[in-house]
Structures are given as C-alpha cells and as structure tokens.
Amino acid sequence: MGFAAKIILTFLLLPAALLRPGEVKVSGDALRADVEFLADSLCAGRAAGSPGSVEAAAYIVRRLSGLGYEVSSQGFVIDSLRTGHNILTVPKGNKPLILLMACYDGLGTLGGRVFPGADSNASGVAALLALADRLKGRNDVMLAFTDARNAGRGGSQALRKLLAGRRISLVVNIDIIGSALAPVHEYWPDYLIALGADRYRKTFERCNSGLQLHLYYDYYRSRNFTELFYRRSGDQAVFVADGIPAIMFTSGITPNTNKSSDTPETLDYDIFARRVEFIARFIENHGRK
C-alpha cells in the first residue's frame, strides 16, 4: 500500500468525533417547532399579563417538565391590572449558579394586529429550551424564562430580588438570536454578537471550532449602542449593575423587529442552530475543571 493510500485509510478510520469538530447537535427543526408555537396566533404576541402569555408560559412549563426538570413560577406585579410570571427551573444544592435567561413576552396585539415576535424573543426561548435539553443533570445551572421584558424589565428585576442571597458566577441572556437579516458584515450572515464576553475570547475560539461563526463583542461596532443594550435595556442589565459577570447573546435588531412581519419563516434555522450549539459548548465547559 502506497503512502498516500495509508494516509487516506488512517483518516477514514479516525473516530467520528474527530472527523466532525463542528458537529451541530442542536436541531434546527426543534428550534423551529418551538418558535412556531410561541409565534402562533394562540399566543397572540405574548403580551405580559395577557391570555396569550399564559399559553406561552404553559408551553414552556410542559417542555421543561417533559425534559425532567422541576419547575416553579415566580409571580410579580407589573401594574395595577397585570401580574407577570417568571418560569424557573430549580437546581439542587448550593453551588454558585450559572443563570441562563430569555424573556418570553412580546408586544402582543396592537391596533388589531398581532405582533408574533418570532425572533423577538421566541427565538431566545427556543434557544433556552434547546440548552435545557443539552444541560440536563447540571446542578449549577438555573434556567429563567422571564416575563415583562417589554414592561419595564419587571421579570428580571423580580428575579434579581429572588436571587439576592444566592451566589451567581455568570449570567447569560439570550435576546433575539434567530435571524440572519442584519449581519454586521454584509457577506457574513453566520455571525453572533456576544456583549460582555471580552474576557472569554480564547474560550470562544475553542467553542467555535468547526462552526465558523463570525463573533463580535460589541453591538455593530458602536460603543453607545453596546452600552445601551448591555447595561440598560437587556434583562441582564440588573445583574450587570450589581457587578455580576454577564453575557448577552444576540443577532441584533432586524427590519422585522417589533413589527407584525416578525414571523417564523424569516429566521435562518441552520445558522440559528449553530449559534445555540456554540452557546451550549460554552456552558458545558464553563466552570468545569
């Protein structure tokens, strides 16, 4: 057997895991199914305190329970007419928490038009449900599906009060992550923005092996918008204000954001799955020796 033939044979006999460094275990079809339910007319845009929000919360509870999680609901007052509900998993033990968050509320129905909120933020909820499946058994991870993001960030503020006495090693917030319609660079639609993640650049490079995502650590190269979305408007902001390390993952605002055109078919489920795979790899390795 010639030298070239031996090299080819050796390559073919390598373990599959070595041949697929960029294997994506996250299912784009599963992400689509979750997004389609949450953006369906049954949920009617998921406005905080609305019947559609109740449908969305019930769906999240069913999905988590089906994965074997113990689930709790944290109620809080939004205003004199509305009550919000955060959906939380209950980790065992007292290890410092990795808190994974995504808001599930949307704008609802305005002027007779439904705002489906597929990317904003059914995509973040679908991503968090995929992570829930991937991270089963971790007793240092808490999943929080927050309500009232669009009503003064009521859910994240209530959650911060609930966790006031608990050590938190990292907060990860996923807010708008399914579209490829607003790339940072017009020729690179396979991108991911990670605000607050500068300290993890080397780890991110390893997690990105084979996925070939273009990673950005600011919001469209704007310092002002980076500060706005990271420190003021995202659900992670209340934790950032307390000095807790936090990352906000997003694919950015698109022409469909906060419009009735934010529908499931506008998302790119291949790139979406690769983004969630990247986050899963990062959390799987974070804090592990």
C-alpha atoms as a PDB file:
ATOM      1  CA  MET A   1       0.000   0.000   0.000  1.00  0.00           C
ATOM      2  CA  GLY A   2       1.373   3.399  -1.005  1.00  0.00           C
ATOM      3  CA  PHE A   3       1.990   6.243   1.435  1.00  0.00           C
ATOM      4  CA  ALA A   4      -0.948   8.309   0.127  1.00  0.00           C
ATOM      5  CA  ALA A   5      -3.297   5.340   0.419  1.00  0.00           C
ATOM      6  CA  LYS A   6      -2.189   4.753   4.029  1.00  0.00           C
ATOM      7  CA  ILE A   7      -2.905   8.387   4.895  1.00  0.00           C
ATOM      8  CA  ILE A   8      -6.394   8.142   3.391  1.00  0.00           C
ATOM      9  CA  LEU A   9      -7.102   4.862   5.219  1.00  0.00           C
ATOM     10  CA  THR A  10      -5.925   6.364   8.529  1.00  0.00           C
ATOM     11  CA  PHE A  11      -8.236   9.340   8.025  1.00  0.00           C
ATOM     12  CA  LEU A  12     -11.199   7.079   7.281  1.00  0.00           C
ATOM     13  CA  LEU A  13     -10.569   5.038  10.444  1.00  0.00           C
ATOM     14  CA  LEU A  14     -10.445   8.051  12.780  1.00  0.00           C
ATOM     15  CA  PRO A  15     -13.241   8.269  15.373  1.00  0.00           C
ATOM     16  CA  ALA A  16     -16.281  10.123  14.098  1.00  0.00           C
ATOM     17  CA  ALA A  17     -15.929  12.778  16.841  1.00  0.00           C
ATOM     18  CA  LEU A  18     -12.512  13.707  15.455  1.00  0.00           C
ATOM     19  CA  LEU A  19     -13.812  13.917  11.917  1.00  0.00           C
ATOM     20  CA  ARG A  20     -16.637  16.271  12.880  1.00  0.00           C
ATOM     21  CA  PRO A  21     -15.168  19.031  15.054  1.00  0.00           C
ATOM     22  CA  GLY A  22     -18.005  21.305  14.014  1.00  0.00           C
ATOM     23  CA  GLU A  23     -20.844  18.826  14.552  1.00  0.00           C
ATOM     24  CA  VAL A  24     -24.065  20.603  15.445  1.00  0.00           C
ATOM     25  CA  LYS A  25     -26.103  18.581  17.919  1.00  0.00           C
ATOM     26  CA  VAL A  26     -28.808  21.226  18.221  1.00  0.00           C
ATOM     27  CA  SER A  27     -31.802  20.507  15.988  1.00  0.00           C
ATOM     28  CA  GLY A  28     -32.949  23.296  13.718  1.00  0.00           C
ATOM     29  CA  ASP A  29     -36.300  21.509  13.360  1.00  0.00           C
ATOM     30  CA  ALA A  30     -36.799  21.529  17.140  1.00  0.00           C
ATOM     31  CA  LEU A  31     -35.954  25.226  17.280  1.00  0.00           C
ATOM     32  CA  ARG A  32     -38.465  25.898  14.500  1.00  0.00           C
ATOM     33  CA  ALA A  33     -41.206  23.920  16.295  1.00  0.00           C
ATOM     34  CA  ASP A  34     -40.781  25.951  19.485  1.00  0.00           C
ATOM     35  CA  VAL A  35     -40.686  29.250  17.605  1.00  0.00           C
ATOM     36  CA  GLU A  36     -43.776  28.355  15.580  1.00  0.00           C
ATOM     37  CA  PHE A  37     -45.819  27.580  18.690  1.00  0.00           C
ATOM     38  CA  LEU A  38     -44.765  30.724  20.528  1.00  0.00           C
ATOM     39  CA  ALA A  39     -45.373  32.897  17.454  1.00  0.00           C
ATOM     40  CA  ASP A  40     -48.731  31.274  16.698  1.00  0.00           C
ATOM     41  CA  SER A  41     -51.994  33.200  16.889  1.00  0.00           C
ATOM     42  CA  LEU A  42     -52.866  31.170  20.016  1.00  0.00           C
ATOM     43  CA  CYS A  43     -50.215  33.122  21.903  1.00  0.00           C
ATOM     44  CA  ALA A  44     -51.286  36.370  20.184  1.00  0.00           C
ATOM     45  CA  GLY A  45     -47.909  38.055  20.572  1.00  0.00           C
ATOM     46  CA  ARG A  46     -47.432  37.026  24.250  1.00  0.00           C
ATOM     47  CA  ALA A  47     -48.030  40.446  25.824  1.00  0.00           C
ATOM     48  CA  ALA A  48     -47.252  40.336  29.556  1.00  0.00           C
ATOM     49  CA  GLY A  49     -50.379  39.609  31.580  1.00  0.00           C
ATOM     50  CA  SER A  50     -52.424  38.524  28.543  1.00  0.00           C
ATOM     51  CA  PRO A  51     -54.113  35.162  27.827  1.00  0.00           C
ATOM     52  CA  GLY A  52     -51.513  34.613  25.095  1.00  0.00           C
ATOM     53  CA  SER A  53     -48.755  34.998  27.670  1.00  0.00           C
ATOM     54  CA  VAL A  54     -50.443  32.337  29.806  1.00  0.00           C
ATOM     55  CA  GLU A  55     -50.455  29.969  26.805  1.00  0.00           C
ATOM     56  CA  ALA A  56     -46.750  30.633  26.215  1.00  0.00           C
ATOM     57  CA  ALA A  57     -45.877  30.078  29.875  1.00  0.00           C
ATOM     58  CA  ALA A  58     -47.857  26.822  29.943  1.00  0.00           C
ATOM     59  CA  TYR A  59     -45.994  25.627  26.853  1.00  0.00           C
ATOM     60  CA  ILE A  60     -42.626  26.381  28.443  1.00  0.00           C
ATOM     61  CA  VAL A  61     -43.635  24.511  31.613  1.00  0.00           C
ATOM     62  CA  ARG A  62     -44.748  21.492  29.564  1.00  0.00           C
ATOM     63  CA  ARG A  63     -41.485  21.441  27.630  1.00  0.00           C
ATOM     64  CA  LEU A  64     -39.347  21.705  30.764  1.00  0.00           C
ATOM     65  CA  SER A  65     -41.383  19.100  32.656  1.00  0.00           C
ATOM     66  CA  GLY A  66     -41.055  16.771  29.688  1.00  0.00           C
ATOM     67  CA  LEU A  67     -37.284  17.098  29.976  1.00  0.00           C
ATOM     68  CA  GLY A  68     -37.445  16.077  33.633  1.00  0.00           C
ATOM     69  CA  TYR A  69     -36.996  19.480  35.275  1.00  0.00           C
ATOM     70  CA  GLU A  70     -38.606  20.626  38.487  1.00  0.00           C
ATOM     71  CA  VAL A  71     -40.270  23.894  37.529  1.00  0.00           C
ATOM     72  CA  SER A  72     -41.513  26.818  39.602  1.00  0.00           C
ATOM     73  CA  SER A  73     -43.357  30.046  38.791  1.00  0.00           C
ATOM     74  CA  GLN A  74     -42.466  33.402  40.310  1.00  0.00           C
ATOM     75  CA  GLY A  75     -45.348  35.838  40.245  1.00  0.00           C
ATOM     76  CA  PHE A  76     -44.850  39.589  40.439  1.00  0.00           C
ATOM     77  CA  VAL A  77     -46.898  42.737  39.977  1.00  0.00           C
ATOM     78  CA  ILE A  78     -46.467  44.573  36.675  1.00  0.00           C
ATOM     79  CA  ASP A  79     -49.061  47.265  37.343  1.00  0.00           C
ATOM     80  CA  SER A  80     -52.478  47.634  38.942  1.00  0.00           C
ATOM     81  CA  LEU A  81     -54.068  45.496  36.225  1.00  0.00           C
ATOM     82  CA  ARG A  82     -51.446  42.888  35.401  1.00  0.00           C
ATOM     83  CA  THR A  83     -49.380  40.175  37.045  1.00  0.00           C
ATOM     84  CA  GLY A  84     -46.285  38.693  35.444  1.00  0.00           C
ATOM     85  CA  HIS A  85     -44.793  35.230  35.867  1.00  0.00           C
ATOM     86  CA  ASN A  86     -41.207  34.073  35.528  1.00  0.00           C
ATOM     87  CA  ILE A  87     -40.782  30.368  34.751  1.00  0.00           C
ATOM     88  CA  LEU A  88     -37.779  28.924  36.606  1.00  0.00           C
ATOM     89  CA  THR A  89     -36.029  25.589  36.990  1.00  0.00           C
ATOM     90  CA  VAL A  90     -34.974  24.582  40.495  1.00  0.00           C
ATOM     91  CA  PRO A  91     -31.337  23.396  40.721  1.00  0.00           C
ATOM     92  CA  LYS A  92     -30.341  21.235  43.672  1.00  0.00           C
ATOM     93  CA  GLY A  93     -27.542  22.196  46.051  1.00  0.00           C
ATOM     94  CA  ASN A  94     -25.827  25.473  46.771  1.00  0.00           C
ATOM     95  CA  LYS A  95     -23.207  25.739  44.059  1.00  0.00           C
ATOM     96  CA  PRO A  96     -22.664  29.190  42.505  1.00  0.00           C
ATOM     97  CA  LEU A  97     -25.251  29.483  39.757  1.00  0.00           C
ATOM     98  CA  ILE A  98     -24.851  29.860  36.037  1.00  0.00           C
ATOM     99  CA  LEU A  99     -28.079  31.718  35.287  1.00  0.00           C
ATOM    100  CA  LEU A 100     -29.406  31.295  31.746  1.00  0.00           C
ATOM    101  CA  MET A 101     -32.180  33.700  30.760  1.00  0.00           C
ATOM    102  CA  ALA A 102     -34.543  34.513  27.911  1.00  0.00           C
ATOM    103  CA  CYS A 103     -37.673  36.652  28.020  1.00  0.00           C
ATOM    104  CA  TYR A 104     -40.823  35.087  26.613  1.00  0.00           C
ATOM    105  CA  ASP A 105     -43.146  38.091  26.491  1.00  0.00           C
ATOM    106  CA  GLY A 106     -43.760  40.167  23.372  1.00  0.00           C
ATOM    107  CA  LEU A 107     -45.726  43.180  22.245  1.00  0.00           C
ATOM    108  CA  GLY A 108     -48.975  41.256  21.887  1.00  0.00           C
ATOM    109  CA  THR A 109     -51.812  42.583  19.739  1.00  0.00           C
ATOM    110  CA  LEU A 110     -51.906  46.294  18.956  1.00  0.00           C
ATOM    111  CA  GLY A 111     -54.491  48.065  16.824  1.00  0.00           C
ATOM    112  CA  GLY A 112     -55.969  44.721  15.820  1.00  0.00           C
ATOM    113  CA  ARG A 113     -52.618  43.426  14.511  1.00  0.00           C
ATOM    114  CA  VAL A 114     -50.757  40.545  16.105  1.00  0.00           C
ATOM    115  CA  PHE A 115     -47.020  41.004  16.634  1.00  0.00           C
ATOM    116  CA  PRO A 116     -45.810  37.382  16.553  1.00  0.00           C
ATOM    117  CA  GLY A 117     -42.352  38.098  17.982  1.00  0.00           C
ATOM    118  CA  ALA A 118     -40.702  35.091  16.337  1.00  0.00           C
ATOM    119  CA  ASP A 119     -37.197  36.485  16.561  1.00  0.00           C
ATOM    120  CA  SER A 120     -38.039  38.802  19.465  1.00  0.00           C
ATOM    121  CA  ASN A 121     -37.970  36.707  21.521  1.00  0.00           C
ATOM    122  CA  ALA A 122     -39.467  33.331  20.690  1.00  0.00           C
ATOM    123  CA  SER A 123     -36.014  32.597  19.262  1.00  0.00           C
ATOM    124  CA  GLY A 124     -34.392  33.197  22.657  1.00  0.00           C
ATOM    125  CA  VAL A 125     -36.928  30.936  24.369  1.00  0.00           C
ATOM    126  CA  ALA A 126     -36.378  28.195  21.787  1.00  0.00           C
ATOM    127  CA  ALA A 127     -32.625  28.520  22.303  1.00  0.00           C
ATOM    128  CA  LEU A 128     -33.021  28.213  26.071  1.00  0.00           C
ATOM    129  CA  LEU A 129     -35.237  25.142  25.698  1.00  0.00           C
ATOM    130  CA  ALA A 130     -32.562  23.543  23.495  1.00  0.00           C
ATOM    131  CA  LEU A 131     -29.989  24.327  26.183  1.00  0.00           C
ATOM    132  CA  ALA A 132     -32.304  22.821  28.794  1.00  0.00           C
ATOM    133  CA  ASP A 133     -32.235  19.559  26.861  1.00  0.00           C
ATOM    134  CA  ARG A 134     -28.467  19.712  26.474  1.00  0.00           C
ATOM    135  CA  LEU A 135     -27.668  20.599  30.106  1.00  0.00           C
ATOM    136  CA  LYS A 136     -29.901  18.114  31.929  1.00  0.00           C
ATOM    137  CA  GLY A 137     -28.265  16.987  35.154  1.00  0.00           C
ATOM    138  CA  ARG A 138     -26.252  20.144  35.793  1.00  0.00           C
ATOM    139  CA  ASN A 139     -26.929  21.265  39.375  1.00  0.00           C
ATOM    140  CA  ASP A 140     -25.133  24.575  38.886  1.00  0.00           C
ATOM    141  CA  VAL A 141     -27.405  25.823  36.077  1.00  0.00           C
ATOM    142  CA  MET A 142     -30.671  27.691  36.574  1.00  0.00           C
ATOM    143  CA  LEU A 143     -32.973  28.422  33.632  1.00  0.00           C
ATOM    144  CA  ALA A 144     -35.133  31.536  33.811  1.00  0.00           C
ATOM    145  CA  PHE A 145     -37.818  32.391  31.256  1.00  0.00           C
ATOM    146  CA  THR A 146     -38.594  35.952  32.227  1.00  0.00           C
ATOM    147  CA  ASP A 147     -41.796  37.893  31.724  1.00  0.00           C
ATOM    148  CA  ALA A 148     -42.443  41.622  31.239  1.00  0.00           C
ATOM    149  CA  ARG A 149     -39.242  42.437  29.373  1.00  0.00           C
ATOM    150  CA  ASN A 150     -41.390  44.854  27.383  1.00  0.00           C
ATOM    151  CA  ALA A 151     -42.960  46.255  30.561  1.00  0.00           C
ATOM    152  CA  GLY A 152     -40.006  47.861  32.263  1.00  0.00           C
ATOM    153  CA  ARG A 153     -37.999  44.636  32.628  1.00  0.00           C
ATOM    154  CA  GLY A 154     -40.265  43.634  35.507  1.00  0.00           C
ATOM    155  CA  GLY A 155     -39.348  39.966  35.293  1.00  0.00           C
ATOM    156  CA  SER A 156     -35.588  40.388  35.535  1.00  0.00           C
ATOM    157  CA  GLN A 157     -35.955  42.827  38.416  1.00  0.00           C
ATOM    158  CA  ALA A 158     -38.164  40.389  40.315  1.00  0.00           C
ATOM    159  CA  LEU A 159     -35.714  37.583  39.597  1.00  0.00           C
ATOM    160  CA  ARG A 160     -32.786  39.622  40.908  1.00  0.00           C
ATOM    161  CA  LYS A 161     -34.640  40.146  44.194  1.00  0.00           C
ATOM    162  CA  LEU A 162     -35.415  36.434  44.419  1.00  0.00           C
ATOM    163  CA  LEU A 163     -31.740  35.538  43.957  1.00  0.00           C
ATOM    164  CA  ALA A 164     -30.356  38.291  46.180  1.00  0.00           C
ATOM    165  CA  GLY A 165     -28.817  35.810  48.609  1.00  0.00           C
ATOM    166  CA  ARG A 166     -27.530  33.335  46.023  1.00  0.00           C
ATOM    167  CA  ARG A 167     -24.034  33.340  44.542  1.00  0.00           C
ATOM    168  CA  ILE A 168     -24.116  33.748  40.761  1.00  0.00           C
ATOM    169  CA  SER A 169     -20.947  33.030  38.787  1.00  0.00           C
ATOM    170  CA  LEU A 170     -22.323  34.030  35.384  1.00  0.00           C
ATOM    171  CA  VAL A 171     -25.496  35.353  33.782  1.00  0.00           C
ATOM    172  CA  VAL A 172     -26.235  34.535  30.142  1.00  0.00           C
ATOM    173  CA  ASN A 173     -29.137  36.345  28.492  1.00  0.00           C
ATOM    174  CA  ILE A 174     -30.377  35.341  25.030  1.00  0.00           C
ATOM    175  CA  ASP A 175     -32.405  38.063  23.340  1.00  0.00           C
ATOM    176  CA  ILE A 176     -33.124  37.903  19.581  1.00  0.00           C
ATOM    177  CA  ILE A 177     -30.911  35.199  18.094  1.00  0.00           C
ATOM    178  CA  GLY A 178     -32.645  33.519  15.144  1.00  0.00           C
ATOM    179  CA  SER A 179     -32.297  35.837  12.161  1.00  0.00           C
ATOM    180  CA  ALA A 180     -29.515  36.463   9.663  1.00  0.00           C
ATOM    181  CA  LEU A 181     -31.160  39.546   8.140  1.00  0.00           C
ATOM    182  CA  ALA A 182     -28.942  42.153   9.817  1.00  0.00           C
ATOM    183  CA  PRO A 183     -25.343  40.894   9.652  1.00  0.00           C
ATOM    184  CA  VAL A 184     -22.531  43.060  10.968  1.00  0.00           C
ATOM    185  CA  HIS A 185     -20.737  42.445   7.665  1.00  0.00           C
ATOM    186  CA  GLU A 186     -22.964  42.033   4.614  1.00  0.00           C
ATOM    187  CA  TYR A 187     -21.072  38.977   3.350  1.00  0.00           C
ATOM    188  CA  TRP A 188     -21.043  37.113   6.696  1.00  0.00           C
ATOM    189  CA  PRO A 189     -24.591  36.149   7.686  1.00  0.00           C
ATOM    190  CA  ASP A 190     -23.278  33.420  10.012  1.00  0.00           C
ATOM    191  CA  TYR A 191     -22.457  35.732  12.906  1.00  0.00           C
ATOM    192  CA  LEU A 192     -23.146  36.054  16.622  1.00  0.00           C
ATOM    193  CA  ILE A 193     -22.885  39.101  18.895  1.00  0.00           C
ATOM    194  CA  ALA A 194     -21.749  38.494  22.482  1.00  0.00           C
ATOM    195  CA  LEU A 195     -21.835  41.619  24.633  1.00  0.00           C
ATOM    196  CA  GLY A 196     -19.803  41.493  27.838  1.00  0.00           C
ATOM    197  CA  ALA A 197     -17.779  38.491  26.649  1.00  0.00           C
ATOM    198  CA  ASP A 198     -14.349  40.030  26.063  1.00  0.00           C
ATOM    199  CA  ARG A 199     -12.824  38.002  28.895  1.00  0.00           C
ATOM    200  CA  TYR A 200     -13.896  34.772  27.201  1.00  0.00           C
ATOM    201  CA  ARG A 201     -12.373  35.368  23.761  1.00  0.00           C
ATOM    202  CA  LYS A 202      -9.937  32.425  23.932  1.00  0.00           C
ATOM    203  CA  THR A 203     -12.626  30.080  25.206  1.00  0.00           C
ATOM    204  CA  PHE A 204     -14.966  31.306  22.488  1.00  0.00           C
ATOM    205  CA  GLU A 205     -12.369  30.499  19.828  1.00  0.00           C
ATOM    206  CA  ARG A 206     -12.284  26.898  21.037  1.00  0.00           C
ATOM    207  CA  CYS A 207     -16.070  26.643  21.237  1.00  0.00           C
ATOM    208  CA  ASN A 208     -16.326  27.976  17.685  1.00  0.00           C
ATOM    209  CA  SER A 209     -14.204  25.156  16.253  1.00  0.00           C
ATOM    210  CA  GLY A 210     -15.863  23.969  13.048  1.00  0.00           C
ATOM    211  CA  LEU A 211     -18.910  26.206  13.500  1.00  0.00           C
ATOM    212  CA  GLN A 212     -17.233  29.118  11.708  1.00  0.00           C
ATOM    213  CA  LEU A 213     -19.391  31.796  13.261  1.00  0.00           C
ATOM    214  CA  HIS A 214     -18.154  35.359  12.972  1.00  0.00           C
ATOM    215  CA  LEU A 215     -18.043  36.555  16.576  1.00  0.00           C
ATOM    216  CA  TYR A 216     -18.451  40.165  17.635  1.00  0.00           C
ATOM    217  CA  TYR A 217     -18.029  41.640  21.100  1.00  0.00           C
ATOM    218  CA  ASP A 218     -19.786  44.949  20.531  1.00  0.00           C
ATOM    219  CA  TYR A 219     -23.090  45.991  19.019  1.00  0.00           C
ATOM    220  CA  TYR A 220     -22.424  46.800  15.366  1.00  0.00           C
ATOM    221  CA  ARG A 221     -19.136  48.475  16.315  1.00  0.00           C
ATOM    222  CA  SER A 222     -20.965  51.198  18.240  1.00  0.00           C
ATOM    223  CA  ARG A 223     -19.813  51.936  21.771  1.00  0.00           C
ATOM    224  CA  ASN A 224     -23.015  53.819  22.579  1.00  0.00           C
ATOM    225  CA  PHE A 225     -25.330  51.049  21.367  1.00  0.00           C
ATOM    226  CA  THR A 226     -23.192  48.432  23.099  1.00  0.00           C
ATOM    227  CA  GLU A 227     -23.625  50.282  26.389  1.00  0.00           C
ATOM    228  CA  LEU A 228     -27.353  50.745  25.736  1.00  0.00           C
ATOM    229  CA  PHE A 229     -28.146  47.103  25.029  1.00  0.00           C
ATOM    230  CA  TYR A 230     -25.757  45.657  27.600  1.00  0.00           C
ATOM    231  CA  ARG A 231     -26.133  47.966  30.589  1.00  0.00           C
ATOM    232  CA  ARG A 232     -29.588  49.464  30.197  1.00  0.00           C
ATOM    233  CA  SER A 233     -32.117  47.622  28.057  1.00  0.00           C
ATOM    234  CA  GLY A 234     -31.390  43.884  28.292  1.00  0.00           C
ATOM    235  CA  ASP A 235     -32.621  41.617  31.084  1.00  0.00           C
ATOM    236  CA  GLN A 236     -29.003  41.075  32.128  1.00  0.00           C
ATOM    237  CA  ALA A 237     -28.660  44.778  32.976  1.00  0.00           C
ATOM    238  CA  VAL A 238     -29.916  44.439  36.553  1.00  0.00           C
ATOM    239  CA  PHE A 239     -27.229  41.824  37.234  1.00  0.00           C
ATOM    240  CA  VAL A 240     -24.529  43.843  35.479  1.00  0.00           C
ATOM    241  CA  ALA A 241     -25.394  46.773  37.745  1.00  0.00           C
ATOM    242  CA  ASP A 242     -24.569  44.555  40.732  1.00  0.00           C
ATOM    243  CA  GLY A 243     -21.169  43.614  39.304  1.00  0.00           C
ATOM    244  CA  ILE A 244     -22.122  40.069  38.286  1.00  0.00           C
ATOM    245  CA  PRO A 245     -20.391  38.785  35.129  1.00  0.00           C
ATOM    246  CA  ALA A 246     -22.930  38.647  32.317  1.00  0.00           C
ATOM    247  CA  ILE A 247     -23.105  37.956  28.603  1.00  0.00           C
ATOM    248  CA  MET A 248     -25.864  38.991  26.237  1.00  0.00           C
ATOM    249  CA  PHE A 249     -26.077  36.851  23.096  1.00  0.00           C
ATOM    250  CA  THR A 250     -27.970  38.353  20.169  1.00  0.00           C
ATOM    251  CA  SER A 251     -28.117  38.526  16.395  1.00  0.00           C
ATOM    252  CA  GLY A 252     -29.318  42.124  16.551  1.00  0.00           C
ATOM    253  CA  ILE A 253     -32.375  44.121  15.641  1.00  0.00           C
ATOM    254  CA  THR A 254     -33.647  43.463  12.116  1.00  0.00           C
ATOM    255  CA  PRO A 255     -36.170  45.238   9.825  1.00  0.00           C
ATOM    256  CA  ASN A 256     -38.816  42.897  11.302  1.00  0.00           C
ATOM    257  CA  THR A 257     -38.180  43.617  14.983  1.00  0.00           C
ATOM    258  CA  ASN A 258     -41.281  44.903  16.784  1.00  0.00           C
ATOM    259  CA  LYS A 259     -43.334  44.539  13.613  1.00  0.00           C
ATOM    260  CA  SER A 260     -46.091  42.167  12.527  1.00  0.00           C
ATOM    261  CA  SER A 261     -43.619  40.785   9.966  1.00  0.00           C
ATOM    262  CA  ASP A 262     -41.507  39.117  12.701  1.00  0.00           C
ATOM    263  CA  THR A 263     -42.701  35.629  11.732  1.00  0.00           C
ATOM    264  CA  PRO A 264     -41.102  32.155  11.987  1.00  0.00           C
ATOM    265  CA  GLU A 265     -40.325  31.847   8.276  1.00  0.00           C
ATOM    266  CA  THR A 266     -37.990  34.868   8.427  1.00  0.00           C
ATOM    267  CA  LEU A 267     -35.482  33.062  10.660  1.00  0.00           C
ATOM    268  CA  ASP A 268     -32.448  31.105   9.442  1.00  0.00           C
ATOM    269  CA  TYR A 269     -32.647  27.822  11.340  1.00  0.00           C
ATOM    270  CA  ASP A 270     -29.292  26.486  10.161  1.00  0.00           C
ATOM    271  CA  ILE A 271     -27.386  29.500  11.465  1.00  0.00           C
ATOM    272  CA  PHE A 272     -29.702  29.638  14.483  1.00  0.00           C
ATOM    273  CA  ALA A 273     -28.787  26.050  15.400  1.00  0.00           C
ATOM    274  CA  ARG A 274     -25.076  26.786  15.060  1.00  0.00           C
ATOM    275  CA  ARG A 275     -25.411  29.764  17.384  1.00  0.00           C
ATOM    276  CA  VAL A 276     -27.164  27.669  20.018  1.00  0.00           C
ATOM    277  CA  GLU A 277     -24.576  24.917  19.586  1.00  0.00           C
ATOM    278  CA  PHE A 278     -21.876  27.495  20.298  1.00  0.00           C
ATOM    279  CA  ILE A 279     -23.601  28.669  23.485  1.00  0.00           C
ATOM    280  CA  ALA A 280     -24.146  25.069  24.584  1.00  0.00           C
ATOM    281  CA  ARG A 281     -20.444  24.283  24.180  1.00  0.00           C
ATOM    282  CA  PHE A 282     -19.533  27.348  26.187  1.00  0.00           C
ATOM    283  CA  ILE A 283     -21.861  26.499  29.079  1.00  0.00           C
ATOM    284  CA  GLU A 284     -20.861  22.825  29.035  1.00  0.00           C
ATOM    285  CA  ASN A 285     -17.274  23.840  29.660  1.00  0.00           C
ATOM    286  CA  HIS A 286     -17.783  26.895  31.849  1.00  0.00           C
ATOM    287  CA  GLY A 287     -16.723  26.274  35.431  1.00  0.00           C
ATOM    288  CA  ARG A 288     -15.695  22.687  34.702  1.00  0.00           C
ATOM    289  CA  LYS A 289     -12.205  21.542  35.695  1.00  0.00           C
END
